Amino acid sequence: MAEQNSKQEGKLIVFSAPSGSGKTTIVKHLLGVENLNLEFSISATSREKRGAEVDAKDYYFLSTKEFKNKIKGDEFLEWEEVYRDNFYGTLKTEVERIWAKGKTVIFDIDVSGGLRIKRKFPDQTLAIFVKPPSVDELKIRLKKRKTETDDKINMRVAKASAELATAPLFDTIIVNDTLDKALVEAEGKVRDFLNS
């Protein structure tokens, strides 16, 4: 990050969860709550676009080579090779861009990335883990998406077990068994953090 005193740096809200837990739905809801003054941190990825995804809106889509060059150039706040040659990360410039607008950064990010941000900015970050009601429910949700093969779904479900074990490392856990309840809970926790 550019040298800044801590008064200029804003707050960070991290939502992490196994794929299919509903974190993206919760984050989209919070972005629509005007008086929270949140802006979404767009992650960079080396994976292919899915469906109607748009570059610089859903993700910054980079080639594997571009991603690796940015790693070498220390341009990421955090990054991870989630699957072989399938990178995700947060560009430092993205956080700086949002803070410069006087807004709070909100992340929809994988578990290890979320924990890395919390470690780098322990006092400025609220790290929320979104938990599915069960691994079986998670598998059902992933199948309903119809965006991935059964092999990919099975990989995500296997990874989910390890990710669920990290839940206690987060500041708070929201169990997304009923979406409406999870949205209210998330909004309350974010509001409390921003007002603290």
N, C-alpha and C. Protein backbone atom coordinates (compact mmCIF):
# COMPACT_ATOMS: atom_id res chain seq x y z
N MET A 1 0.85 -1.18 0.00
CA MET A 1 0.00 0.00 0.00
C MET A 1 0.89 1.24 0.00
N ALA A 2 0.38 2.29 -0.57
CA ALA A 2 1.11 3.55 -0.54
C ALA A 2 1.23 4.00 0.91
N GLU A 3 2.29 4.72 1.22
CA GLU A 3 2.46 5.19 2.60
C GLU A 3 1.33 6.16 2.93
N GLN A 4 0.58 5.81 3.95
CA GLN A 4 -0.51 6.67 4.39
C GLN A 4 -0.56 6.57 5.90
N ASN A 5 -0.97 7.65 6.55
CA ASN A 5 -1.19 7.47 7.98
C ASN A 5 -2.54 6.82 8.15
N SER A 6 -2.75 6.19 9.31
CA SER A 6 -3.93 5.37 9.47
C SER A 6 -5.23 6.17 9.42
N LYS A 7 -5.17 7.49 9.64
CA LYS A 7 -6.39 8.30 9.57
C LYS A 7 -6.92 8.36 8.13
N GLN A 8 -6.03 8.27 7.13
CA GLN A 8 -6.46 8.35 5.74
C GLN A 8 -7.00 7.01 5.25
N GLU A 9 -6.57 5.94 5.90
CA GLU A 9 -7.02 4.63 5.46
C GLU A 9 -8.43 4.38 5.99
N GLY A 10 -9.24 3.77 5.14
CA GLY A 10 -10.61 3.48 5.53
C GLY A 10 -10.74 2.12 6.16
N LYS A 11 -11.99 1.69 6.25
CA LYS A 11 -12.27 0.38 6.82
C LYS A 11 -12.48 -0.64 5.70
N LEU A 12 -12.34 -1.90 6.07
CA LEU A 12 -12.47 -3.01 5.14
C LEU A 12 -13.46 -4.02 5.71
N ILE A 13 -14.37 -4.48 4.88
CA ILE A 13 -15.32 -5.50 5.30
C ILE A 13 -15.13 -6.70 4.39
N VAL A 14 -14.80 -7.83 5.00
CA VAL A 14 -14.50 -9.05 4.26
C VAL A 14 -15.62 -10.06 4.47
N PHE A 15 -16.16 -10.57 3.36
CA PHE A 15 -17.09 -11.69 3.41
C PHE A 15 -16.41 -12.87 2.76
N SER A 16 -16.24 -13.95 3.51
CA SER A 16 -15.63 -15.17 2.99
C SER A 16 -16.53 -16.35 3.31
N ALA A 17 -16.41 -17.38 2.47
CA ALA A 17 -17.26 -18.56 2.65
C ALA A 17 -16.88 -19.60 1.62
N PRO A 18 -17.27 -20.84 1.86
CA PRO A 18 -17.13 -21.82 0.79
C PRO A 18 -18.03 -21.40 -0.38
N SER A 19 -17.64 -21.75 -1.57
CA SER A 19 -18.42 -21.44 -2.77
C SER A 19 -19.83 -22.00 -2.62
N GLY A 20 -20.85 -21.18 -2.88
CA GLY A 20 -22.24 -21.63 -2.78
C GLY A 20 -22.91 -21.32 -1.45
N SER A 21 -22.20 -20.64 -0.53
CA SER A 21 -22.77 -20.34 0.78
C SER A 21 -23.71 -19.13 0.77
N GLY A 22 -23.63 -18.32 -0.29
CA GLY A 22 -24.50 -17.15 -0.38
C GLY A 22 -23.82 -15.83 -0.10
N LYS A 23 -22.48 -15.83 0.01
CA LYS A 23 -21.79 -14.58 0.34
C LYS A 23 -21.98 -13.52 -0.74
N THR A 24 -22.00 -13.92 -2.00
CA THR A 24 -22.16 -12.94 -3.09
C THR A 24 -23.53 -12.28 -3.01
N THR A 25 -24.56 -13.04 -2.73
CA THR A 25 -25.91 -12.50 -2.59
C THR A 25 -25.96 -11.50 -1.43
N ILE A 26 -25.32 -11.83 -0.32
CA ILE A 26 -25.31 -10.93 0.84
C ILE A 26 -24.55 -9.64 0.51
N VAL A 27 -23.39 -9.77 -0.13
CA VAL A 27 -22.60 -8.59 -0.49
C VAL A 27 -23.37 -7.69 -1.44
N LYS A 28 -24.04 -8.27 -2.44
CA LYS A 28 -24.84 -7.47 -3.38
C LYS A 28 -25.95 -6.71 -2.65
N HIS A 29 -26.57 -7.36 -1.68
CA HIS A 29 -27.62 -6.70 -0.88
C HIS A 29 -27.04 -5.49 -0.14
N LEU A 30 -25.90 -5.70 0.52
CA LEU A 30 -25.28 -4.62 1.31
C LEU A 30 -24.86 -3.45 0.43
N LEU A 31 -24.39 -3.74 -0.77
CA LEU A 31 -24.01 -2.67 -1.70
C LEU A 31 -25.20 -1.80 -2.08
N GLY A 32 -26.39 -2.37 -2.01
CA GLY A 32 -27.62 -1.63 -2.32
C GLY A 32 -28.14 -0.80 -1.16
N VAL A 33 -27.55 -0.95 0.02
CA VAL A 33 -27.98 -0.16 1.18
C VAL A 33 -27.19 1.15 1.16
N GLU A 34 -27.85 2.21 0.70
CA GLU A 34 -27.16 3.46 0.39
C GLU A 34 -26.35 4.06 1.53
N ASN A 35 -26.93 4.16 2.71
CA ASN A 35 -26.23 4.87 3.79
C ASN A 35 -25.06 4.11 4.41
N LEU A 36 -24.77 2.91 3.90
CA LEU A 36 -23.58 2.18 4.38
C LEU A 36 -22.31 2.69 3.69
N ASN A 37 -22.44 3.33 2.52
CA ASN A 37 -21.30 3.92 1.80
C ASN A 37 -20.21 2.90 1.48
N LEU A 38 -20.65 1.76 0.93
CA LEU A 38 -19.73 0.67 0.60
C LEU A 38 -19.41 0.68 -0.90
N GLU A 39 -18.23 0.20 -1.24
CA GLU A 39 -17.91 -0.05 -2.64
C GLU A 39 -17.21 -1.39 -2.75
N PHE A 40 -17.60 -2.13 -3.76
CA PHE A 40 -17.11 -3.48 -3.98
C PHE A 40 -15.67 -3.48 -4.48
N SER A 41 -14.84 -4.30 -3.85
CA SER A 41 -13.48 -4.51 -4.32
C SER A 41 -13.52 -5.58 -5.40
N ILE A 42 -13.19 -5.18 -6.61
CA ILE A 42 -13.20 -6.12 -7.73
C ILE A 42 -11.90 -6.91 -7.70
N SER A 43 -12.02 -8.21 -7.60
CA SER A 43 -10.84 -9.08 -7.56
C SER A 43 -10.30 -9.29 -8.97
N ALA A 44 -9.03 -9.63 -9.02
CA ALA A 44 -8.41 -10.04 -10.28
C ALA A 44 -8.41 -11.56 -10.32
N THR A 45 -8.54 -12.14 -11.51
CA THR A 45 -8.48 -13.58 -11.65
C THR A 45 -7.88 -13.97 -12.99
N SER A 46 -7.30 -15.16 -13.00
CA SER A 46 -6.76 -15.68 -14.26
C SER A 46 -7.72 -16.69 -14.89
N ARG A 47 -8.86 -16.93 -14.25
CA ARG A 47 -9.80 -17.90 -14.82
C ARG A 47 -10.58 -17.27 -15.97
N GLU A 48 -11.21 -18.13 -16.76
CA GLU A 48 -12.03 -17.66 -17.89
C GLU A 48 -13.31 -17.01 -17.37
N LYS A 49 -13.86 -16.10 -18.16
CA LYS A 49 -15.16 -15.49 -17.82
C LYS A 49 -16.23 -16.59 -17.83
N ARG A 50 -17.22 -16.42 -16.95
CA ARG A 50 -18.37 -17.33 -16.92
C ARG A 50 -19.61 -16.55 -17.32
N GLY A 51 -20.42 -17.12 -18.16
CA GLY A 51 -21.71 -16.51 -18.51
C GLY A 51 -21.56 -15.08 -19.00
N ALA A 52 -22.31 -14.17 -18.37
CA ALA A 52 -22.33 -12.77 -18.80
C ALA A 52 -21.38 -11.88 -18.00
N GLU A 53 -20.36 -12.47 -17.38
CA GLU A 53 -19.42 -11.67 -16.58
C GLU A 53 -18.73 -10.61 -17.44
N VAL A 54 -18.47 -9.46 -16.80
CA VAL A 54 -17.88 -8.32 -17.50
C VAL A 54 -16.55 -7.96 -16.84
N ASP A 55 -15.52 -7.73 -17.68
CA ASP A 55 -14.21 -7.32 -17.18
C ASP A 55 -14.33 -5.96 -16.50
N ALA A 56 -13.63 -5.80 -15.36
CA ALA A 56 -13.59 -4.57 -14.56
C ALA A 56 -14.92 -4.27 -13.87
N LYS A 57 -15.86 -5.23 -13.93
CA LYS A 57 -17.12 -5.10 -13.17
C LYS A 57 -17.25 -6.31 -12.25
N ASP A 58 -17.15 -7.51 -12.83
CA ASP A 58 -17.22 -8.74 -12.03
C ASP A 58 -15.83 -9.11 -11.51
N TYR A 59 -14.85 -9.04 -12.38
CA TYR A 59 -13.45 -9.32 -12.06
C TYR A 59 -12.59 -8.50 -13.01
N TYR A 60 -11.31 -8.36 -12.66
CA TYR A 60 -10.31 -7.95 -13.63
C TYR A 60 -9.77 -9.26 -14.19
N PHE A 61 -10.11 -9.57 -15.43
CA PHE A 61 -9.67 -10.84 -16.03
C PHE A 61 -8.28 -10.65 -16.62
N LEU A 62 -7.32 -11.42 -16.09
CA LEU A 62 -5.93 -11.35 -16.54
C LEU A 62 -5.52 -12.71 -17.07
N SER A 63 -4.56 -12.73 -17.97
CA SER A 63 -4.01 -14.02 -18.38
C SER A 63 -3.15 -14.53 -17.21
N THR A 64 -2.84 -15.81 -17.22
CA THR A 64 -1.98 -16.38 -16.17
C THR A 64 -0.64 -15.64 -16.14
N LYS A 65 -0.13 -15.33 -17.32
CA LYS A 65 1.16 -14.63 -17.41
C LYS A 65 1.06 -13.22 -16.80
N GLU A 66 0.00 -12.49 -17.14
CA GLU A 66 -0.19 -11.14 -16.58
C GLU A 66 -0.29 -11.21 -15.05
N PHE A 67 -1.04 -12.20 -14.57
CA PHE A 67 -1.23 -12.35 -13.13
C PHE A 67 0.12 -12.58 -12.45
N LYS A 68 0.91 -13.51 -13.01
CA LYS A 68 2.22 -13.83 -12.42
C LYS A 68 3.16 -12.62 -12.45
N ASN A 69 3.07 -11.82 -13.50
CA ASN A 69 3.90 -10.60 -13.57
C ASN A 69 3.51 -9.60 -12.49
N LYS A 70 2.22 -9.50 -12.20
CA LYS A 70 1.77 -8.59 -11.15
C LYS A 70 2.19 -9.10 -9.76
N ILE A 71 2.23 -10.41 -9.59
CA ILE A 71 2.74 -11.00 -8.34
C ILE A 71 4.20 -10.60 -8.17
N LYS A 72 4.99 -10.78 -9.25
CA LYS A 72 6.42 -10.42 -9.20
C LYS A 72 6.60 -8.94 -8.90
N GLY A 73 5.69 -8.11 -9.41
CA GLY A 73 5.78 -6.66 -9.19
C GLY A 73 5.20 -6.20 -7.86
N ASP A 74 4.80 -7.15 -6.99
CA ASP A 74 4.22 -6.84 -5.67
C ASP A 74 3.01 -5.91 -5.79
N GLU A 75 2.15 -6.19 -6.76
CA GLU A 75 0.98 -5.35 -7.00
C GLU A 75 -0.28 -5.84 -6.30
N PHE A 76 -0.17 -6.97 -5.58
CA PHE A 76 -1.34 -7.52 -4.90
C PHE A 76 -1.29 -7.31 -3.39
N LEU A 77 -2.44 -7.01 -2.83
CA LEU A 77 -2.60 -6.96 -1.37
C LEU A 77 -2.59 -8.41 -0.86
N GLU A 78 -3.25 -9.27 -1.60
CA GLU A 78 -3.25 -10.71 -1.32
C GLU A 78 -3.57 -11.41 -2.63
N TRP A 79 -3.10 -12.65 -2.74
CA TRP A 79 -3.41 -13.47 -3.91
C TRP A 79 -3.28 -14.93 -3.54
N GLU A 80 -3.88 -15.77 -4.37
CA GLU A 80 -3.79 -17.20 -4.12
C GLU A 80 -3.99 -17.96 -5.43
N GLU A 81 -3.29 -19.07 -5.54
CA GLU A 81 -3.53 -20.00 -6.64
C GLU A 81 -4.55 -21.01 -6.11
N VAL A 82 -5.83 -20.77 -6.42
CA VAL A 82 -6.92 -21.55 -5.85
C VAL A 82 -6.90 -22.98 -6.39
N TYR A 83 -6.78 -23.08 -7.70
CA TYR A 83 -6.57 -24.37 -8.36
C TYR A 83 -5.39 -24.14 -9.29
N ARG A 84 -4.84 -25.20 -9.86
CA ARG A 84 -3.65 -25.06 -10.71
C ARG A 84 -3.88 -24.01 -11.81
N ASP A 85 -2.98 -23.01 -11.87
CA ASP A 85 -3.03 -21.91 -12.84
C ASP A 85 -4.35 -21.13 -12.80
N ASN A 86 -5.02 -21.18 -11.67
CA ASN A 86 -6.29 -20.48 -11.50
C ASN A 86 -6.10 -19.54 -10.30
N PHE A 87 -5.67 -18.30 -10.60
CA PHE A 87 -5.31 -17.34 -9.57
C PHE A 87 -6.44 -16.36 -9.28
N TYR A 88 -6.51 -15.93 -8.03
CA TYR A 88 -7.40 -14.85 -7.61
C TYR A 88 -6.59 -13.92 -6.72
N GLY A 89 -6.90 -12.63 -6.75
CA GLY A 89 -6.19 -11.72 -5.86
C GLY A 89 -6.81 -10.34 -5.82
N THR A 90 -6.34 -9.54 -4.88
CA THR A 90 -6.81 -8.16 -4.71
C THR A 90 -5.66 -7.22 -5.05
N LEU A 91 -5.86 -6.42 -6.06
CA LEU A 91 -4.84 -5.43 -6.44
C LEU A 91 -4.81 -4.29 -5.43
N LYS A 92 -3.62 -3.86 -5.04
CA LYS A 92 -3.48 -2.75 -4.09
C LYS A 92 -4.17 -1.50 -4.62
N THR A 93 -4.07 -1.28 -5.92
CA THR A 93 -4.68 -0.07 -6.52
C THR A 93 -6.19 -0.06 -6.35
N GLU A 94 -6.81 -1.23 -6.26
CA GLU A 94 -8.27 -1.31 -6.11
C GLU A 94 -8.70 -0.75 -4.75
N VAL A 95 -8.00 -1.15 -3.69
CA VAL A 95 -8.33 -0.66 -2.35
C VAL A 95 -8.04 0.84 -2.25
N GLU A 96 -6.91 1.26 -2.80
CA GLU A 96 -6.56 2.69 -2.78
C GLU A 96 -7.59 3.53 -3.52
N ARG A 97 -8.10 3.01 -4.64
CA ARG A 97 -9.12 3.71 -5.44
C ARG A 97 -10.39 3.95 -4.63
N ILE A 98 -10.81 2.93 -3.89
CA ILE A 98 -12.06 3.03 -3.12
C ILE A 98 -11.86 3.95 -1.91
N TRP A 99 -10.75 3.80 -1.19
CA TRP A 99 -10.48 4.67 -0.05
C TRP A 99 -10.39 6.13 -0.47
N ALA A 100 -9.81 6.38 -1.65
CA ALA A 100 -9.67 7.76 -2.14
C ALA A 100 -11.04 8.42 -2.34
N LYS A 101 -12.08 7.60 -2.55
CA LYS A 101 -13.44 8.13 -2.71
C LYS A 101 -14.14 8.31 -1.35
N GLY A 102 -13.43 7.97 -0.26
CA GLY A 102 -14.03 8.09 1.07
C GLY A 102 -15.03 6.99 1.39
N LYS A 103 -14.90 5.87 0.70
CA LYS A 103 -15.84 4.76 0.92
C LYS A 103 -15.18 3.60 1.67
N THR A 104 -16.02 2.73 2.18
CA THR A 104 -15.54 1.50 2.84
C THR A 104 -15.47 0.40 1.80
N VAL A 105 -14.38 -0.35 1.83
CA VAL A 105 -14.18 -1.44 0.87
C VAL A 105 -14.89 -2.70 1.38
N ILE A 106 -15.67 -3.32 0.50
CA ILE A 106 -16.30 -4.60 0.86
C ILE A 106 -15.78 -5.67 -0.11
N PHE A 107 -15.40 -6.81 0.45
CA PHE A 107 -14.81 -7.91 -0.31
C PHE A 107 -15.73 -9.12 -0.30
N ASP A 108 -15.81 -9.77 -1.44
CA ASP A 108 -16.43 -11.10 -1.58
C ASP A 108 -15.25 -11.96 -2.01
N ILE A 109 -14.65 -12.67 -1.06
CA ILE A 109 -13.32 -13.22 -1.29
C ILE A 109 -13.20 -14.60 -0.64
N ASP A 110 -12.31 -15.41 -1.16
CA ASP A 110 -12.15 -16.75 -0.59
C ASP A 110 -11.56 -16.66 0.82
N VAL A 111 -11.66 -17.76 1.53
CA VAL A 111 -11.32 -17.82 2.95
C VAL A 111 -9.87 -17.39 3.24
N SER A 112 -8.91 -17.96 2.50
CA SER A 112 -7.52 -17.62 2.83
C SER A 112 -7.21 -16.16 2.48
N GLY A 113 -7.80 -15.65 1.40
CA GLY A 113 -7.60 -14.24 1.06
C GLY A 113 -8.19 -13.32 2.13
N GLY A 114 -9.37 -13.68 2.61
CA GLY A 114 -10.02 -12.90 3.66
C GLY A 114 -9.18 -12.85 4.92
N LEU A 115 -8.60 -13.98 5.30
CA LEU A 115 -7.77 -14.02 6.51
C LEU A 115 -6.47 -13.24 6.33
N ARG A 116 -5.93 -13.24 5.10
CA ARG A 116 -4.71 -12.46 4.84
C ARG A 116 -4.98 -10.96 4.98
N ILE A 117 -6.13 -10.51 4.50
CA ILE A 117 -6.48 -9.09 4.63
C ILE A 117 -6.66 -8.74 6.11
N LYS A 118 -7.33 -9.61 6.86
CA LYS A 118 -7.53 -9.39 8.30
C LYS A 118 -6.18 -9.28 9.02
N ARG A 119 -5.22 -10.14 8.64
CA ARG A 119 -3.90 -10.09 9.28
C ARG A 119 -3.16 -8.80 8.94
N LYS A 120 -3.31 -8.32 7.70
CA LYS A 120 -2.61 -7.09 7.30
C LYS A 120 -3.22 -5.84 7.91
N PHE A 121 -4.53 -5.84 8.08
CA PHE A 121 -5.25 -4.67 8.62
C PHE A 121 -6.15 -5.11 9.78
N PRO A 122 -5.56 -5.59 10.89
CA PRO A 122 -6.37 -6.20 11.94
C PRO A 122 -7.43 -5.27 12.55
N ASP A 123 -7.08 -3.99 12.73
CA ASP A 123 -8.01 -3.08 13.39
C ASP A 123 -9.02 -2.45 12.44
N GLN A 124 -8.70 -2.46 11.16
CA GLN A 124 -9.57 -1.80 10.18
C GLN A 124 -10.53 -2.76 9.49
N THR A 125 -10.39 -4.05 9.78
CA THR A 125 -11.14 -5.07 9.04
C THR A 125 -12.17 -5.77 9.91
N LEU A 126 -13.39 -5.91 9.37
CA LEU A 126 -14.40 -6.79 9.94
C LEU A 126 -14.45 -8.01 9.01
N ALA A 127 -14.05 -9.17 9.51
CA ALA A 127 -14.02 -10.39 8.71
C ALA A 127 -15.21 -11.28 9.09
N ILE A 128 -16.11 -11.48 8.13
CA ILE A 128 -17.34 -12.24 8.35
C ILE A 128 -17.28 -13.54 7.55
N PHE A 129 -17.54 -14.64 8.23
CA PHE A 129 -17.59 -15.95 7.57
C PHE A 129 -19.05 -16.32 7.38
N VAL A 130 -19.44 -16.63 6.13
CA VAL A 130 -20.80 -17.07 5.85
C VAL A 130 -20.80 -18.59 5.75
N LYS A 131 -21.59 -19.20 6.61
CA LYS A 131 -21.60 -20.65 6.73
C LYS A 131 -22.89 -21.21 6.11
N PRO A 132 -22.76 -22.24 5.27
CA PRO A 132 -23.98 -22.88 4.78
C PRO A 132 -24.58 -23.72 5.91
N PRO A 133 -25.89 -24.03 5.83
CA PRO A 133 -26.48 -24.86 6.89
C PRO A 133 -25.81 -26.23 7.00
N SER A 134 -25.32 -26.77 5.86
CA SER A 134 -24.64 -28.07 5.85
C SER A 134 -23.88 -28.21 4.54
N VAL A 135 -22.96 -29.17 4.50
CA VAL A 135 -22.21 -29.45 3.27
C VAL A 135 -23.15 -30.02 2.20
N ASP A 136 -24.14 -30.80 2.62
CA ASP A 136 -25.12 -31.35 1.66
C ASP A 136 -25.89 -30.23 0.97
N GLU A 137 -26.31 -29.23 1.76
CA GLU A 137 -27.04 -28.08 1.21
C GLU A 137 -26.14 -27.31 0.25
N LEU A 138 -24.88 -27.21 0.59
CA LEU A 138 -23.90 -26.53 -0.26
C LEU A 138 -23.84 -27.21 -1.64
N LYS A 139 -23.79 -28.52 -1.65
CA LYS A 139 -23.71 -29.28 -2.90
C LYS A 139 -24.97 -29.03 -3.75
N ILE A 140 -26.13 -29.00 -3.10
CA ILE A 140 -27.40 -28.74 -3.80
C ILE A 140 -27.36 -27.35 -4.44
N ARG A 141 -26.88 -26.36 -3.69
CA ARG A 141 -26.81 -24.98 -4.22
C ARG A 141 -25.87 -24.89 -5.41
N LEU A 142 -24.72 -25.55 -5.32
CA LEU A 142 -23.76 -25.53 -6.42
C LEU A 142 -24.33 -26.19 -7.68
N LYS A 143 -25.08 -27.27 -7.50
CA LYS A 143 -25.69 -27.96 -8.66
C LYS A 143 -26.75 -27.08 -9.30
N LYS A 144 -27.51 -26.34 -8.48
CA LYS A 144 -28.57 -25.46 -9.00
C LYS A 144 -28.01 -24.35 -9.87
N ARG A 145 -26.79 -23.93 -9.61
CA ARG A 145 -26.16 -22.87 -10.41
C ARG A 145 -26.00 -23.25 -11.87
N LYS A 146 -25.75 -24.56 -12.10
CA LYS A 146 -25.53 -25.09 -13.45
C LYS A 146 -24.40 -24.36 -14.19
N THR A 147 -23.36 -23.99 -13.46
CA THR A 147 -22.23 -23.30 -14.10
C THR A 147 -20.98 -24.18 -14.16
N GLU A 148 -21.01 -25.33 -13.48
CA GLU A 148 -19.81 -26.14 -13.40
C GLU A 148 -20.11 -27.62 -13.56
N THR A 149 -19.08 -28.37 -13.94
CA THR A 149 -19.21 -29.82 -14.09
C THR A 149 -19.31 -30.47 -12.70
N ASP A 150 -19.75 -31.72 -12.69
CA ASP A 150 -19.83 -32.46 -11.42
C ASP A 150 -18.46 -32.57 -10.76
N ASP A 151 -17.40 -32.75 -11.57
CA ASP A 151 -16.04 -32.83 -11.02
C ASP A 151 -15.67 -31.54 -10.29
N LYS A 152 -15.96 -30.41 -10.91
CA LYS A 152 -15.66 -29.10 -10.31
C LYS A 152 -16.46 -28.93 -9.01
N ILE A 153 -17.73 -29.33 -9.05
CA ILE A 153 -18.57 -29.22 -7.85
C ILE A 153 -17.99 -30.08 -6.72
N ASN A 154 -17.58 -31.30 -7.05
CA ASN A 154 -17.00 -32.19 -6.04
C ASN A 154 -15.70 -31.61 -5.46
N MET A 155 -14.90 -30.94 -6.33
CA MET A 155 -13.68 -30.27 -5.86
C MET A 155 -14.04 -29.16 -4.87
N ARG A 156 -15.07 -28.37 -5.21
CA ARG A 156 -15.49 -27.26 -4.34
C ARG A 156 -16.03 -27.77 -3.00
N VAL A 157 -16.78 -28.88 -3.05
CA VAL A 157 -17.34 -29.45 -1.82
C VAL A 157 -16.21 -29.99 -0.93
N ALA A 158 -15.22 -30.64 -1.53
CA ALA A 158 -14.08 -31.14 -0.76
C ALA A 158 -13.32 -29.98 -0.11
N LYS A 159 -13.15 -28.91 -0.87
CA LYS A 159 -12.46 -27.72 -0.36
C LYS A 159 -13.27 -27.06 0.77
N ALA A 160 -14.60 -27.14 0.66
CA ALA A 160 -15.48 -26.49 1.65
C ALA A 160 -15.24 -27.03 3.06
N SER A 161 -14.98 -28.32 3.18
CA SER A 161 -14.75 -28.91 4.51
C SER A 161 -13.56 -28.26 5.20
N ALA A 162 -12.47 -28.04 4.44
CA ALA A 162 -11.28 -27.38 5.00
C ALA A 162 -11.60 -25.91 5.33
N GLU A 163 -12.37 -25.26 4.44
CA GLU A 163 -12.71 -23.85 4.67
C GLU A 163 -13.59 -23.68 5.90
N LEU A 164 -14.53 -24.59 6.10
CA LEU A 164 -15.42 -24.51 7.27
C LEU A 164 -14.63 -24.58 8.57
N ALA A 165 -13.51 -25.29 8.56
CA ALA A 165 -12.66 -25.40 9.76
C ALA A 165 -12.03 -24.06 10.14
N THR A 166 -11.94 -23.11 9.18
CA THR A 166 -11.32 -21.81 9.47
C THR A 166 -12.33 -20.80 10.05
N ALA A 167 -13.60 -21.13 10.06
CA ALA A 167 -14.64 -20.18 10.51
C ALA A 167 -14.31 -19.50 11.84
N PRO A 168 -13.79 -20.22 12.86
CA PRO A 168 -13.50 -19.57 14.14
C PRO A 168 -12.41 -18.48 14.07
N LEU A 169 -11.64 -18.43 12.98
CA LEU A 169 -10.59 -17.41 12.84
C LEU A 169 -11.17 -16.05 12.42
N PHE A 170 -12.42 -16.03 12.00
CA PHE A 170 -13.08 -14.80 11.57
C PHE A 170 -13.68 -14.06 12.76
N ASP A 171 -13.96 -12.77 12.58
CA ASP A 171 -14.53 -11.97 13.67
C ASP A 171 -15.93 -12.45 14.04
N THR A 172 -16.67 -12.88 13.04
CA THR A 172 -18.04 -13.30 13.29
C THR A 172 -18.49 -14.29 12.22
N ILE A 173 -19.49 -15.10 12.55
CA ILE A 173 -20.02 -16.11 11.63
C ILE A 173 -21.51 -15.87 11.44
N ILE A 174 -21.94 -15.91 10.18
CA ILE A 174 -23.38 -15.84 9.87
C ILE A 174 -23.74 -17.17 9.21
N VAL A 175 -24.73 -17.86 9.78
CA VAL A 175 -25.20 -19.11 9.18
C VAL A 175 -26.32 -18.74 8.21
N ASN A 176 -26.10 -19.03 6.94
CA ASN A 176 -27.09 -18.67 5.92
C ASN A 176 -28.02 -19.85 5.67
N ASP A 177 -28.96 -20.06 6.63
CA ASP A 177 -29.97 -21.09 6.40
C ASP A 177 -31.22 -20.45 5.80
N THR A 178 -31.54 -19.22 6.25
CA THR A 178 -32.65 -18.46 5.67
C THR A 178 -32.06 -17.15 5.18
N LEU A 179 -32.14 -16.89 3.89
CA LEU A 179 -31.48 -15.72 3.30
C LEU A 179 -31.93 -14.41 3.95
N ASP A 180 -33.24 -14.22 4.14
CA ASP A 180 -33.72 -12.95 4.71
C ASP A 180 -33.10 -12.68 6.08
N LYS A 181 -33.01 -13.72 6.88
CA LYS A 181 -32.42 -13.59 8.22
C LYS A 181 -30.92 -13.26 8.10
N ALA A 182 -30.23 -13.92 7.19
CA ALA A 182 -28.80 -13.68 6.99
C ALA A 182 -28.54 -12.25 6.53
N LEU A 183 -29.41 -11.71 5.67
CA LEU A 183 -29.25 -10.33 5.17
C LEU A 183 -29.40 -9.32 6.31
N VAL A 184 -30.38 -9.52 7.14
CA VAL A 184 -30.62 -8.62 8.29
C VAL A 184 -29.43 -8.68 9.24
N GLU A 185 -28.97 -9.90 9.53
CA GLU A 185 -27.83 -10.08 10.44
C GLU A 185 -26.57 -9.42 9.88
N ALA A 186 -26.32 -9.62 8.59
CA ALA A 186 -25.13 -9.03 7.96
C ALA A 186 -25.19 -7.51 8.02
N GLU A 187 -26.34 -6.95 7.70
CA GLU A 187 -26.48 -5.49 7.71
C GLU A 187 -26.24 -4.94 9.12
N GLY A 188 -26.76 -5.61 10.12
CA GLY A 188 -26.57 -5.18 11.51
C GLY A 188 -25.10 -5.21 11.92
N LYS A 189 -24.41 -6.28 11.57
CA LYS A 189 -23.00 -6.40 11.94
C LYS A 189 -22.14 -5.35 11.24
N VAL A 190 -22.42 -5.10 9.96
CA VAL A 190 -21.65 -4.11 9.20
C VAL A 190 -21.91 -2.71 9.78
N ARG A 191 -23.17 -2.40 10.04
CA ARG A 191 -23.52 -1.09 10.58
C ARG A 191 -22.84 -0.84 11.93
N ASP A 192 -22.87 -1.85 12.80
CA ASP A 192 -22.21 -1.73 14.12
C ASP A 192 -20.71 -1.46 13.95
N PHE A 193 -20.07 -2.16 13.03
CA PHE A 193 -18.65 -2.00 12.80
C PHE A 193 -18.32 -0.60 12.26
N LEU A 194 -19.11 -0.13 11.32
CA LEU A 194 -18.86 1.19 10.71
C LEU A 194 -19.09 2.31 11.72
N ASN A 195 -19.99 2.07 12.67
CA ASN A 195 -20.27 3.11 13.69
C ASN A 195 -19.36 3.03 14.90
N SER A 196 -18.49 2.00 14.93
CA SER A 196 -17.62 1.84 16.11
C SER A 196 -16.38 2.72 16.01
